[in-house]
Each structure stands twice: as structure tokens, then as C-alpha cells.
Protein backbone atom coordinates (compact mmCIF):
# COMPACT_ATOMS: atom_id res chain seq x y z
CA MET A 1 49.63 36.58 72.38
CA LYS A 2 47.84 33.26 72.58
CA PHE A 3 46.29 31.81 75.72
CA SER A 4 45.79 28.18 76.72
CA LEU A 5 44.25 26.79 79.90
CA ARG A 6 44.66 23.45 81.61
CA SER A 7 43.61 21.87 84.85
CA VAL A 8 46.67 20.58 86.74
CA ARG A 9 44.76 17.30 87.24
CA ASN A 10 41.79 15.86 85.35
CA SER A 11 40.08 15.00 88.63
CA TYR A 12 40.50 15.99 92.27
CA SER A 13 39.85 13.90 95.37
CA PRO A 14 38.26 15.62 98.40
CA GLY A 15 41.61 16.55 99.99
CA GLN A 16 43.11 18.06 96.83
CA THR A 17 42.98 21.75 95.89
CA PRO A 18 41.97 22.31 92.26
CA ALA A 19 44.57 24.35 90.37
CA PHE A 20 44.56 25.74 86.85
CA GLU A 21 47.38 26.96 84.65
CA LEU A 22 46.84 29.80 82.21
CA THR A 23 49.69 30.02 79.71
CA ALA A 24 50.25 33.17 77.68
CA ARG A 25 52.46 32.51 74.67
CA ASN A 26 53.93 35.40 72.72
CA THR A 27 53.66 34.50 69.03
CA SER A 28 54.83 37.90 67.78
CA GLY A 29 58.31 39.06 66.84
CA GLY A 30 58.60 41.57 69.69
CA ASP A 31 58.21 41.62 73.45
CA CYS A 32 54.67 42.01 74.81
CA GLU A 33 53.20 42.91 78.16
CA VAL A 34 50.15 41.12 79.53
CA ASP A 35 48.12 41.75 82.68
CA LEU A 36 46.95 38.56 84.39
CA GLY A 37 45.67 40.23 87.55
CA PRO A 38 42.18 39.33 88.82
CA LYS A 39 40.63 42.48 87.33
CA HIS A 40 42.04 41.73 83.87
CA ALA A 41 42.18 37.94 83.50
CA VAL A 42 38.94 36.63 84.95
CA PHE A 43 38.55 32.97 85.89
CA THR A 44 35.07 31.51 86.33
CA ILE A 45 34.06 28.04 87.48
CA THR A 46 30.64 26.72 86.51
CA PRO A 47 29.06 23.29 87.09
CA ALA A 48 28.82 21.51 83.72
CA SER A 49 25.10 21.00 84.40
CA GLY A 50 24.34 24.69 85.03
CA ASP A 51 24.64 28.17 83.57
CA ASP A 52 25.45 30.18 86.68
CA ALA A 53 29.05 30.65 87.73
CA TYR A 54 29.81 29.07 91.10
CA TRP A 55 33.01 31.05 91.58
CA ALA A 56 34.62 33.99 89.78
CA SER A 57 38.06 35.47 90.44
CA ASP A 58 36.77 39.05 90.07
CA ASP A 59 33.88 38.72 92.56
CA CYS A 60 36.00 40.04 95.40
CA VAL A 61 39.46 41.33 94.52
CA GLU A 62 41.74 42.02 97.47
CA GLY A 63 44.87 44.05 96.97
CA ALA A 64 46.19 44.98 93.54
CA GLY A 65 43.98 44.11 90.60
CA SER A 66 46.97 44.03 88.24
CA LEU A 67 49.75 41.48 87.69
CA ARG A 68 51.81 42.65 84.74
CA TYR A 69 54.21 40.34 82.97
CA ARG A 70 56.64 41.00 80.15
CA VAL A 71 56.69 38.09 77.72
CA THR A 72 59.63 38.00 75.34
CA ALA A 73 59.12 37.15 71.68
CA GLY A 74 58.59 33.45 71.07
CA SER A 75 58.32 32.54 74.77
CA GLY A 76 55.50 32.11 77.25
CA ILE A 77 54.61 32.47 80.90
CA THR A 78 52.32 30.33 83.02
CA TYR A 79 50.11 31.72 85.76
CA THR A 80 48.52 29.33 88.28
CA VAL A 81 45.19 29.91 90.04
CA LYS A 82 44.12 27.73 92.98
CA TRP A 83 40.50 27.33 94.06
CA ASP A 84 39.42 26.48 97.61
CA ARG A 85 36.14 24.91 96.30
CA LYS A 86 34.12 27.66 97.96
CA PRO A 87 31.51 29.72 96.12
CA SER A 88 31.98 33.44 95.62
CA ALA A 89 29.51 36.32 95.47
CA PRO A 90 29.71 39.50 93.35
CA GLU A 91 30.99 42.72 94.95
CA CYS A 92 32.36 40.88 97.98
CA GLY A 93 28.88 39.82 99.04
CA THR A 94 28.38 36.90 101.39
CA PRO A 95 28.62 33.70 99.35
CA PRO A 96 26.40 30.72 100.13
CA ALA A 97 27.72 28.32 102.75
CA GLY A 98 29.32 25.01 101.86
CA SER A 99 31.67 23.97 99.12
CA ALA A 100 31.42 22.51 95.64
CA LYS A 101 29.76 19.13 95.29
CA ALA A 102 31.22 16.23 93.34
CA GLY A 103 30.73 16.50 89.59
CA THR A 104 32.13 17.94 86.39
CA TYR A 105 32.98 21.64 86.22
CA LEU A 106 34.06 24.03 83.50
CA VAL A 107 36.77 26.57 84.18
CA GLU A 108 37.07 29.51 81.83
CA ALA A 109 39.63 32.30 81.58
CA LYS A 110 38.86 35.57 79.83
CA ALA A 111 41.16 38.52 79.32
CA ALA A 112 40.21 41.72 77.51
CA GLY A 113 41.18 41.60 73.86
CA PHE A 114 41.78 37.84 73.81
CA GLU A 115 39.65 34.82 73.01
CA LYS A 116 38.32 33.05 76.08
CA VAL A 117 39.81 29.64 76.84
CA GLN A 118 38.22 26.86 78.82
CA THR A 119 38.72 23.34 80.08
CA SER A 120 36.89 20.93 82.37
CA PHE A 121 37.73 18.98 85.50
CA VAL A 122 36.01 16.60 87.91
CA LEU A 123 35.56 16.78 91.68
CA LYS A 124 35.36 13.20 92.99
CA ASN A 125 33.51 11.89 96.05
CA ASP A 126 36.46 9.92 97.35
């Protein structure tokens, strides 16, 4: 199984919701199962100028933490995550007020047993 990650757009204007596509491609000869739920495939968004994650998909998981997919040999599936530009806080804590400022951000996806994948995107002023 090989992962790739892309931002749906390279840059987002203020009214646009950033969205990211994680593609899992099955490069083996047999069918595989992969779990892309928020407890298993973790997305983080970090300002390019900083080290601390601004948002993480596993900070506050509501509902099922699993999303299992069967991927047939030689094919792939794409899972889309949307971000409302708001910060998150670990263990469902109260995140800081406000939303992400204009600038360049890195989005990273990590799933247990797989190499992490990342890409960047820009939030524009107008």
C-alpha cells in the first residue's frame, strides 16, 4: 500500500474551504484493507514558519475512530479531509479563538505502518 497526499487547490481564498486528498494505492497482488479513520490516519496542519501543529484530526474524534476500506489489487481509493481553518486542541480541549491567518501551511498524513506523506498549500488574504 502506498500513500500520496495532495491539496485540492494550491491556494485558498478566504471563502474557500481547504480540502486534502489522501490516496491509498494497493501495489500488491492481493486485496488489502486499510483504516483511514481519524484514530488511524492522522492529518496535521502546521504553519510553514512554525513547529507546532495548528490542527490535528485526532485531537477530538467524534463518533467512530475507524473507516475501513478494502482496496483491490492494483487499484486505489481516495479519502478527502476538509478543514474549517479553525485550530484544534488535544483531548477535546478548548482551542484558541480565531482561525488560520494567511500564509503557507504544511499538511501531513500519517498512518501506522506507512511512511508519512506531506504537501503544502497557501491561505490567501483575498
